[in-house]
Amino acid sequence: MKILYYSPNPQLGLYDPSGYGTHMREMIAAMQDLGHEVIPFIAGGQEQHGINKVKPASSFAKRISKLLLPSYIWSSLRDRHLLRKDHELQKKLLQIIHKEQPDLIYERGSHLQLSGVEAAKQVKIRHVLEVNAPLAEEKKLFGGSSWYDAQADASEKKLLSMTSRVLVVSSALKSYFLDRYGLDAERFTVVPNAVHSSNIMLDTEGIDTVRLRYNLVDKTVIGFVGSIFPWHGVDLMIKAFAEVALAFPNVVLLIVGDGVVLPELKQLAIKLDLADRIHFTGNVPHLRVTDHIACMDICVMAKSNWYGSPVKIFEYGVLGKAIVAPNTAPVAEVMEHGKDGLLVAPTSAEIKSAITLFLEQAEARSRMGMSFQTKVKRNHTWRINAMRSLEA
């Protein structure tokens, strides 16, 4: 089958190091591995810039405008730009469709953008929609309200109604859309995120290099991997570790990744007098992430939203690590508390208690790590996700 993989969001690049980049790359690769021909059309760019990709700096005028204009006006201007961009993208998309003659359009849904589903309807091609968030609500949460909010809600309903099949990452997100828009539940398929287990190749030399670089030899390592934003709760993890460190002098914390609050977290480590026991790596190449996770004994994800399926728990799980994760509906949907890991409320006290249990009970670490590892390899690989998505 010939598949046109379409992502209309101009901010999401195929080779960006964040979770969305991994998701797009892995789904495309999995479809190709299944024998399908995939033509990617990624509005945010398909060039491979490497791990240190730097987004173009904002112009001076743009930076000043953001400071002077009310957030409502700025958000409205951004939405207006998206609508104009979507009109341009639809023309390009139709050109690609006429040239390539795909059998299916697989789209990663985006706020305010209908070009994919409208093009599919125009040329009468099957359209499958992947939705990873409540698009209109998430935009308001992170980007602020806009003149186009009502249009965004209507656009989201239209997008979900026109497509042939909706793929959502959690049952919680499915329920949200059903309740909000009164849609047919039979058109939805829940496909949580995943990991590419076949490319997990442990590099002994690479692992040793990480251990030596951060003085992890003969230490018990608690770790986090991922983009570091305020909503990830890495500060809660550090505060929990501050109490754990008092009782367990041989334990260290390894934080792998970068993000807007990283400088604040480094200052917090200094304030807590833990700079010598908390190691920040910054961004590391995607292929080297596994080396870092392999050095960890306990992997933590402190917070997650109510709708998302966190890729990092599957990355932890495929390596058999003991996991402390947030007790949200999407996480509980794939992990059983006390069997596959410890699911906790996003507070430093509960995170500390879970870490302490794992430190005191090595057998529990091993047992739960192996249990979730088996589940991940059996049910949560990108190849399996591609099969579910294309058969839906």
Protein backbone atom coordinates (compact mmCIF):
# COMPACT_ATOMS: atom_id res chain seq x y z
CA MET A 1 0.00 0.00 0.00
CA LYS A 2 1.19 3.54 -0.74
CA ILE A 3 0.71 5.83 2.27
CA LEU A 4 1.01 9.61 2.35
CA TYR A 5 2.09 10.48 5.90
CA TYR A 6 1.03 14.07 6.56
CA SER A 7 1.85 16.42 9.43
CA PRO A 8 0.48 19.94 8.79
CA ASN A 9 1.91 21.60 11.91
CA PRO A 10 4.65 24.01 10.74
CA GLN A 11 6.33 23.83 14.16
CA LEU A 12 6.94 20.07 14.20
CA GLY A 13 10.00 18.83 12.33
CA LEU A 14 10.50 15.18 11.47
CA TYR A 15 13.95 15.09 13.06
CA ASP A 16 13.23 17.23 16.10
CA PRO A 17 14.53 15.49 19.26
CA SER A 18 11.25 15.80 21.20
CA GLY A 19 8.67 13.05 21.59
CA TYR A 20 6.62 14.12 18.59
CA GLY A 21 9.68 13.76 16.34
CA THR A 22 10.31 10.26 17.65
CA HIS A 23 6.65 9.37 17.15
CA MET A 24 6.61 10.51 13.53
CA ARG A 25 9.91 8.86 12.60
CA GLU A 26 9.06 5.58 14.28
CA MET A 27 5.58 5.30 12.77
CA ILE A 28 6.94 5.98 9.29
CA ALA A 29 9.72 3.44 9.78
CA ALA A 30 7.27 0.85 11.14
CA MET A 31 4.95 1.29 8.15
CA GLN A 32 7.90 0.84 5.82
CA ASP A 33 9.02 -2.21 7.78
CA LEU A 34 5.59 -3.72 7.16
CA GLY A 35 6.23 -3.40 3.44
CA HIS A 36 4.31 -0.20 2.69
CA GLU A 37 5.62 2.67 0.61
CA VAL A 38 5.48 5.89 2.64
CA ILE A 39 5.64 9.41 1.23
CA PRO A 40 6.18 11.88 4.10
CA PHE A 41 4.90 15.44 3.85
CA ILE A 42 6.00 17.17 7.06
CA ALA A 43 5.18 20.89 7.13
CA GLY A 44 7.73 21.51 9.90
CA GLY A 45 10.57 20.14 7.77
CA GLN A 46 12.05 16.79 6.84
CA GLU A 47 15.74 17.70 7.03
CA GLN A 48 17.96 15.85 9.46
CA HIS A 49 19.67 18.55 11.52
CA GLY A 50 21.01 16.33 14.26
CA ILE A 51 20.59 16.57 18.00
CA ASN A 52 21.79 20.17 18.25
CA LYS A 53 19.27 21.56 15.80
CA VAL A 54 18.69 25.21 16.58
CA LYS A 55 15.41 26.79 15.60
CA PRO A 56 15.72 30.12 13.79
CA ALA A 57 15.95 33.00 16.21
CA SER A 58 12.95 35.30 16.38
CA SER A 59 13.39 38.63 14.65
CA PHE A 60 13.85 41.72 16.80
CA ALA A 61 10.46 43.03 15.67
CA LYS A 62 8.80 39.75 16.56
CA ARG A 63 10.35 39.66 20.03
CA ILE A 64 9.27 43.26 20.70
CA SER A 65 5.76 42.51 19.42
CA LYS A 66 5.43 39.58 21.81
CA LEU A 67 6.42 41.82 24.70
CA LEU A 68 4.11 44.70 23.79
CA LEU A 69 1.02 42.96 22.44
CA PRO A 70 -1.52 41.41 24.82
CA SER A 71 -1.31 37.61 24.78
CA TYR A 72 -4.83 37.40 23.31
CA ILE A 73 -3.78 39.46 20.28
CA TRP A 74 -0.54 37.55 19.85
CA SER A 75 -2.35 34.21 20.08
CA SER A 76 -4.94 35.40 17.56
CA LEU A 77 -2.22 36.41 15.10
CA ARG A 78 -0.60 32.99 15.41
CA ASP A 79 -3.92 31.26 14.77
CA ARG A 80 -4.57 33.48 11.77
CA HIS A 81 -1.16 32.50 10.41
CA LEU A 82 -2.00 28.81 10.88
CA LEU A 83 -5.22 29.19 8.93
CA ARG A 84 -3.41 30.89 6.05
CA LYS A 85 -0.66 28.29 6.15
CA ASP A 86 -3.21 25.49 6.06
CA HIS A 87 -4.72 26.93 2.88
CA GLU A 88 -1.26 26.90 1.26
CA LEU A 89 -0.55 23.38 2.50
CA GLN A 90 -3.76 22.03 1.00
CA LYS A 91 -2.65 23.15 -2.45
CA LYS A 92 0.73 21.44 -2.01
CA LEU A 93 -0.93 18.34 -0.58
CA LEU A 94 -3.25 18.02 -3.57
CA GLN A 95 -0.27 18.32 -5.90
CA ILE A 96 1.49 15.47 -4.07
CA ILE A 97 -1.68 13.36 -4.13
CA HIS A 98 -2.13 13.80 -7.88
CA LYS A 99 1.54 12.96 -8.47
CA GLU A 100 1.91 9.99 -6.10
CA GLN A 101 -1.63 8.57 -6.16
CA PRO A 102 -1.53 7.24 -2.57
CA ASP A 103 -3.99 4.66 -1.29
CA LEU A 104 -4.24 6.29 2.15
CA ILE A 105 -3.54 9.61 3.87
CA TYR A 106 -2.30 9.11 7.43
CA GLU A 107 -2.38 12.44 9.24
CA ARG A 108 -1.01 13.61 12.56
CA GLY A 109 -3.80 15.98 13.59
CA SER A 110 -3.04 19.60 14.39
CA HIS A 111 -4.84 22.62 15.83
CA LEU A 112 -7.03 24.54 13.35
CA GLN A 113 -5.80 22.59 10.32
CA LEU A 114 -8.23 20.81 8.01
CA SER A 115 -6.15 20.60 4.83
CA GLY A 116 -5.55 16.84 5.11
CA VAL A 117 -9.09 15.66 5.68
CA GLU A 118 -10.55 18.13 3.16
CA ALA A 119 -8.05 17.09 0.48
CA ALA A 120 -8.82 13.43 1.16
CA LYS A 121 -12.54 14.08 0.77
CA GLN A 122 -11.98 16.05 -2.42
CA VAL A 123 -10.07 13.23 -4.13
CA LYS A 124 -12.00 10.43 -2.37
CA ILE A 125 -9.01 8.80 -0.61
CA ARG A 126 -9.26 7.02 2.74
CA HIS A 127 -8.03 9.25 5.57
CA VAL A 128 -6.81 8.06 8.99
CA LEU A 129 -6.33 10.65 11.72
CA GLU A 130 -3.90 10.31 14.62
CA VAL A 131 -4.74 12.63 17.55
CA ASN A 132 -2.37 12.90 20.49
CA ALA A 133 -4.12 15.65 22.48
CA PRO A 134 -7.34 17.65 22.82
CA LEU A 135 -6.09 20.06 20.16
CA ALA A 136 -8.24 23.14 20.85
CA GLU A 137 -7.97 22.82 24.64
CA GLU A 138 -4.22 22.18 24.63
CA LYS A 139 -3.60 25.20 22.44
CA LYS A 140 -5.53 27.45 24.85
CA LEU A 141 -3.63 25.97 27.80
CA PHE A 142 -0.17 26.58 26.37
CA GLY A 143 -0.77 29.35 23.84
CA GLY A 144 -3.58 31.34 25.42
CA SER A 145 -7.07 32.22 24.24
CA SER A 146 -7.64 33.64 20.78
CA TRP A 147 -10.23 35.28 18.54
CA TYR A 148 -10.38 31.93 16.76
CA ASP A 149 -11.24 29.73 19.78
CA ALA A 150 -14.81 29.05 18.64
CA GLN A 151 -13.53 28.25 15.16
CA ALA A 152 -10.92 25.93 16.68
CA ASP A 153 -13.63 23.92 18.47
CA ALA A 154 -15.68 23.70 15.28
CA SER A 155 -12.58 22.75 13.31
CA GLU A 156 -11.72 19.99 15.77
CA LYS A 157 -15.23 18.53 15.55
CA LYS A 158 -15.13 18.68 11.76
CA LEU A 159 -11.71 17.03 11.64
CA LEU A 160 -12.85 14.17 13.86
CA SER A 161 -16.15 13.79 11.98
CA MET A 162 -14.79 13.78 8.42
CA THR A 163 -11.96 11.28 8.80
CA SER A 164 -12.43 7.56 8.16
CA ARG A 165 -10.84 6.52 11.47
CA VAL A 166 -9.60 8.32 14.59
CA LEU A 167 -6.56 6.95 16.43
CA VAL A 168 -6.13 8.30 19.96
CA VAL A 169 -3.35 7.59 22.45
CA SER A 170 -5.60 6.90 25.43
CA SER A 171 -9.12 5.92 26.42
CA ALA A 172 -9.29 9.17 28.41
CA LEU A 173 -8.81 11.17 25.22
CA LYS A 174 -11.38 9.05 23.40
CA SER A 175 -13.95 9.68 26.17
CA TYR A 176 -13.21 13.41 26.06
CA PHE A 177 -13.96 13.63 22.34
CA LEU A 178 -17.08 11.47 22.62
CA ASP A 179 -18.48 13.57 25.46
CA ARG A 180 -17.55 16.91 23.90
CA TYR A 181 -18.72 16.32 20.36
CA GLY A 182 -21.17 13.40 20.54
CA LEU A 183 -19.23 11.30 18.04
CA ASP A 184 -19.59 7.61 17.17
CA ALA A 185 -17.39 5.53 19.49
CA GLU A 186 -16.99 2.82 16.83
CA ARG A 187 -14.87 5.17 14.74
CA PHE A 188 -12.19 5.46 17.45
CA THR A 189 -9.24 3.15 18.09
CA VAL A 190 -7.01 3.55 21.16
CA VAL A 191 -3.32 3.15 20.28
CA PRO A 192 -0.97 4.10 23.17
CA ASN A 193 2.57 5.15 22.37
CA ALA A 194 5.36 2.63 22.02
CA VAL A 195 9.05 1.88 21.59
CA HIS A 196 11.11 0.31 18.82
CA SER A 197 12.34 -2.72 20.75
CA SER A 198 14.24 -4.27 17.86
CA ASN A 199 16.73 -1.38 17.79
CA ILE A 200 17.61 -1.59 21.49
CA MET A 201 21.28 -2.43 21.17
CA LEU A 202 23.19 -2.10 24.42
CA ASP A 203 26.64 -0.67 23.83
CA THR A 204 28.87 -1.80 26.69
CA GLU A 205 31.53 0.74 25.81
CA GLY A 206 28.97 3.53 25.59
CA ILE A 207 27.42 2.58 28.93
CA ASP A 208 30.85 2.50 30.58
CA THR A 209 31.61 5.92 29.13
CA VAL A 210 28.45 7.37 30.69
CA ARG A 211 29.21 5.76 34.06
CA LEU A 212 32.73 7.18 34.11
CA ARG A 213 31.71 10.64 32.86
CA TYR A 214 29.15 11.12 35.64
CA ASN A 215 30.87 9.09 38.36
CA LEU A 216 28.11 6.44 38.45
CA VAL A 217 30.35 3.42 39.05
CA ASP A 218 29.18 1.42 42.08
CA LYS A 219 26.33 3.89 42.64
CA THR A 220 22.57 3.31 42.66
CA VAL A 221 21.21 5.60 39.96
CA ILE A 222 17.78 7.23 39.87
CA GLY A 223 17.09 8.76 36.49
CA PHE A 224 14.89 10.82 34.19
CA VAL A 225 15.04 11.08 30.38
CA GLY A 226 13.15 13.56 28.23
CA SER A 227 12.47 17.17 27.36
CA ILE A 228 12.44 19.27 30.50
CA PHE A 229 9.47 21.60 30.76
CA PRO A 230 7.59 22.86 33.85
CA TRP A 231 4.77 20.34 33.40
CA HIS A 232 7.15 17.35 33.59
CA GLY A 233 7.66 17.84 37.32
CA VAL A 234 11.41 17.28 37.38
CA ASP A 235 11.57 19.75 40.27
CA LEU A 236 9.36 17.37 42.29
CA MET A 237 11.77 14.56 41.50
CA ILE A 238 14.72 16.65 42.74
CA LYS A 239 12.90 17.59 45.95
CA ALA A 240 12.05 13.93 46.55
CA PHE A 241 15.66 12.98 45.92
CA ALA A 242 16.84 15.55 48.47
CA GLU A 243 15.10 13.52 51.20
CA VAL A 244 16.13 10.17 49.76
CA ALA A 245 19.76 11.30 49.62
CA LEU A 246 19.84 11.78 53.41
CA ALA A 247 19.06 8.12 54.03
CA PHE A 248 20.92 6.60 51.07
CA PRO A 249 24.40 8.12 50.67
CA ASN A 250 25.28 5.89 47.70
CA VAL A 251 22.39 7.07 45.52
CA VAL A 252 22.75 9.66 42.74
CA LEU A 253 20.35 11.34 40.34
CA LEU A 254 20.91 11.44 36.56
CA ILE A 255 18.77 13.87 34.54
CA VAL A 256 19.07 13.40 30.78
CA GLY A 257 17.65 16.07 28.49
CA ASP A 258 17.23 19.80 28.06
CA GLY A 259 14.45 22.35 28.30
CA VAL A 260 13.42 25.81 29.38
CA VAL A 261 13.57 25.14 33.12
CA LEU A 262 16.93 23.36 33.15
CA PRO A 263 18.81 26.40 34.56
CA GLU A 264 16.28 26.65 37.38
CA LEU A 265 16.70 22.95 38.18
CA LYS A 266 20.48 23.33 38.33
CA GLN A 267 20.04 26.21 40.77
CA LEU A 268 17.67 24.07 42.84
CA ALA A 269 20.31 21.33 43.05
CA ILE A 270 22.84 23.88 44.30
CA LYS A 271 20.34 25.32 46.80
CA LEU A 272 19.70 21.83 48.20
CA ASP A 273 23.48 21.24 48.43
CA LEU A 274 23.20 18.32 46.02
CA ALA A 275 25.19 19.57 43.02
CA ASP A 276 27.71 16.74 43.46
CA ARG A 277 24.96 14.07 43.48
CA ILE A 278 22.66 15.38 40.74
CA HIS A 279 24.08 15.11 37.24
CA PHE A 280 22.57 17.03 34.30
CA THR A 281 23.61 15.81 30.85
CA GLY A 282 21.76 18.28 28.63
CA ASN A 283 20.67 16.97 25.22
CA VAL A 284 22.24 13.72 24.09
CA PRO A 285 21.95 12.11 20.63
CA HIS A 286 18.90 9.88 20.34
CA LEU A 287 21.04 6.80 19.71
CA ARG A 288 22.90 7.42 22.97
CA VAL A 289 19.79 7.76 25.17
CA THR A 290 19.70 3.99 25.68
CA ASP A 291 23.24 4.07 27.11
CA HIS A 292 22.07 6.52 29.76
CA ILE A 293 18.90 4.61 30.65
CA ALA A 294 20.97 1.43 30.94
CA CYS A 295 22.96 3.10 33.74
CA MET A 296 19.81 3.73 35.78
CA ASP A 297 18.36 1.44 38.45
CA ILE A 298 15.13 3.37 39.01
CA CYS A 299 13.51 5.51 36.31
CA VAL A 300 11.09 8.27 37.24
CA MET A 301 8.44 10.20 35.39
CA ALA A 302 7.06 12.66 37.92
CA LYS A 303 4.08 14.18 36.09
CA SER A 304 1.96 13.75 33.01
CA ASN A 305 -1.28 15.23 31.72
CA TRP A 306 -4.66 13.49 31.83
CA TYR A 307 -4.73 12.54 28.15
CA GLY A 308 -1.19 11.76 26.95
CA SER A 309 0.63 8.46 26.54
CA PRO A 310 4.24 9.15 27.66
CA VAL A 311 6.84 7.62 25.33
CA LYS A 312 9.46 7.63 28.09
CA ILE A 313 7.74 4.95 30.20
CA PHE A 314 8.03 2.56 27.25
CA GLU A 315 11.68 3.52 26.76
CA TYR A 316 12.29 2.77 30.44
CA GLY A 317 10.21 -0.39 30.26
CA VAL A 318 11.85 -2.05 27.27
CA LEU A 319 15.15 -2.02 29.21
CA GLY A 320 13.51 -3.68 32.22
CA LYS A 321 13.92 -0.75 34.58
CA ALA A 322 11.96 -0.22 37.79
CA ILE A 323 9.59 2.67 37.07
CA VAL A 324 7.93 5.33 39.20
CA ALA A 325 5.21 6.95 37.08
CA PRO A 326 2.23 9.27 37.56
CA ASN A 327 -1.10 7.63 38.35
CA THR A 328 -2.96 9.07 35.38
CA ALA A 329 -5.57 7.19 33.34
CA PRO A 330 -3.34 6.74 30.24
CA VAL A 331 -0.45 5.38 32.33
CA ALA A 332 -2.70 3.09 34.39
CA GLU A 333 -4.10 1.83 31.09
CA VAL A 334 -0.74 0.24 30.21
CA MET A 335 0.90 -0.26 33.63
CA GLU A 336 -0.53 -2.09 36.62
CA HIS A 337 0.43 -0.55 39.96
CA GLY A 338 2.50 -2.90 42.08
CA LYS A 339 3.01 -5.32 39.20
CA ASP A 340 4.61 -3.29 36.40
CA GLY A 341 5.81 -0.33 38.45
CA LEU A 342 4.71 2.13 41.11
CA LEU A 343 2.05 4.67 40.12
CA VAL A 344 1.91 7.72 42.36
CA ALA A 345 0.34 11.14 42.73
CA PRO A 346 2.57 13.98 41.43
CA THR A 347 3.91 15.06 44.81
CA SER A 348 7.46 14.94 46.10
CA ALA A 349 6.26 12.94 49.14
CA GLU A 350 4.74 10.13 47.07
CA ILE A 351 7.66 10.07 44.65
CA LYS A 352 10.03 9.84 47.60
CA SER A 353 8.06 6.94 49.12
CA ALA A 354 8.08 5.02 45.85
CA ILE A 355 11.80 5.55 45.29
CA THR A 356 12.50 4.50 48.88
CA LEU A 357 10.51 1.28 48.44
CA PHE A 358 12.53 0.40 45.35
CA LEU A 359 15.80 1.21 47.10
CA GLU A 360 14.91 -1.00 50.02
CA GLN A 361 13.52 -3.86 47.93
CA ALA A 362 15.83 -4.87 45.09
CA GLU A 363 13.62 -7.88 44.39
CA ALA A 364 10.63 -5.60 43.73
CA ARG A 365 12.73 -3.52 41.35
CA SER A 366 13.68 -6.60 39.36
CA ARG A 367 10.24 -8.21 39.41
CA MET A 368 8.29 -5.13 38.31
CA GLY A 369 10.91 -4.18 35.75
CA MET A 370 10.75 -7.60 34.12
CA SER A 371 6.94 -7.64 34.20
CA PHE A 372 6.60 -4.35 32.32
CA GLN A 373 9.43 -5.23 29.95
CA THR A 374 7.52 -8.33 28.86
CA LYS A 375 4.34 -6.30 28.40
CA VAL A 376 6.10 -3.61 26.35
CA LYS A 377 7.77 -6.08 24.00
CA ARG A 378 4.51 -7.97 23.54
CA ASN A 379 2.06 -5.10 23.16
CA HIS A 380 3.77 -1.72 22.73
CA THR A 381 6.18 -1.60 19.81
CA TRP A 382 5.90 0.84 16.91
CA ARG A 383 5.51 -2.08 14.51
CA ILE A 384 2.47 -3.31 16.44
CA ASN A 385 1.11 0.25 16.53
CA ALA A 386 1.50 0.59 12.77
CA MET A 387 -0.34 -2.69 12.25
CA ARG A 388 -3.20 -1.61 14.55
CA SER A 389 -3.42 1.82 12.93
CA LEU A 390 -3.55 0.57 9.36
CA GLU A 391 -5.96 -2.28 10.13
CA ALA A 392 -8.34 -0.03 12.06
